[in-house]
Every structure is written in structure tokens, then in C-alpha cells.
Amino acid sequence: MNIKKSIFRIISVDDGRNIKSQIFDIFISLLILLSVLAIVLESFDHLTAK
């Protein structure tokens, strides 16, 4: 299997049978949540002012 098809299978929406796809989905979701949390925390002046 070439690398393009392999990456496509990992990134595309899966029916729950591909463990690599599930790990990728969880990783991306956590990365998005952490980014949103960082932006929210930066918006509070008393947390960033030292």
C-alpha cells in the first residue's frame, strides 16, 4: 500500500475498526481542546499579568 492511501485511511472518517484512525481522531480532538483552553486562559488578564 502506498503512503498516500495509508495516510488517507488514517485521516478519513472511520467506522471504528481502524485503531490508527481512532488514535488520530482522539489526538486531533485533544489538540483542538488544548488550543481553545490556551486561548481562553490567555484572555484573563489576571492570569497573564505577572
Protein backbone atom coordinates (compact mmCIF):
# COMPACT_ATOMS: atom_id res chain seq x y z
CA MET A 1 0.00 0.00 0.00
CA ASN A 2 1.44 3.36 -0.87
CA ILE A 3 1.88 6.07 1.70
CA LYS A 4 -0.81 8.33 0.22
CA LYS A 5 -3.54 5.70 0.65
CA SER A 6 -2.28 4.83 4.12
CA ILE A 7 -2.44 8.44 5.29
CA PHE A 8 -5.87 8.87 3.68
CA ARG A 9 -7.21 5.86 5.60
CA ILE A 10 -5.88 7.23 8.89
CA ILE A 11 -7.24 10.75 8.36
CA SER A 12 -10.61 9.88 6.82
CA VAL A 13 -13.73 9.18 8.85
CA ASP A 14 -13.68 5.59 10.02
CA ASP A 15 -16.36 3.14 11.07
CA GLY A 16 -14.48 2.26 14.26
CA ARG A 17 -12.42 -0.70 13.09
CA ASN A 18 -9.16 1.12 12.34
CA ILE A 19 -7.25 1.75 15.57
CA LYS A 20 -4.81 4.17 13.91
CA SER A 21 -7.71 6.29 12.74
CA GLN A 22 -9.24 6.31 16.22
CA ILE A 23 -5.93 7.35 17.78
CA PHE A 24 -5.56 10.12 15.20
CA ASP A 25 -9.11 11.37 15.88
CA ILE A 26 -8.51 11.45 19.64
CA PHE A 27 -5.16 13.21 19.19
CA ILE A 28 -6.63 15.90 16.93
CA SER A 29 -9.59 16.41 19.28
CA LEU A 30 -7.29 16.83 22.27
CA LEU A 31 -5.08 19.22 20.33
CA ILE A 32 -8.09 21.37 19.43
CA LEU A 33 -9.36 21.37 23.03
CA LEU A 34 -5.94 22.34 24.38
CA SER A 35 -5.68 25.17 21.87
CA VAL A 36 -9.10 26.50 22.82
CA LEU A 37 -8.23 26.21 26.52
CA ALA A 38 -4.98 28.11 25.98
CA ILE A 39 -6.82 30.92 24.19
CA VAL A 40 -9.45 31.13 26.93
CA LEU A 41 -6.81 31.21 29.65
CA GLU A 42 -4.85 33.92 27.82
CA SER A 43 -7.96 36.09 27.74
CA PHE A 44 -7.91 36.52 31.52
CA ASP A 45 -5.70 39.48 32.40
CA HIS A 46 -5.03 38.42 35.98
CA LEU A 47 -3.59 35.09 34.78
CA THR A 48 -1.20 36.58 32.24
CA ALA A 49 -0.07 39.67 34.19
CA LYS A 50 2.89 38.90 36.40
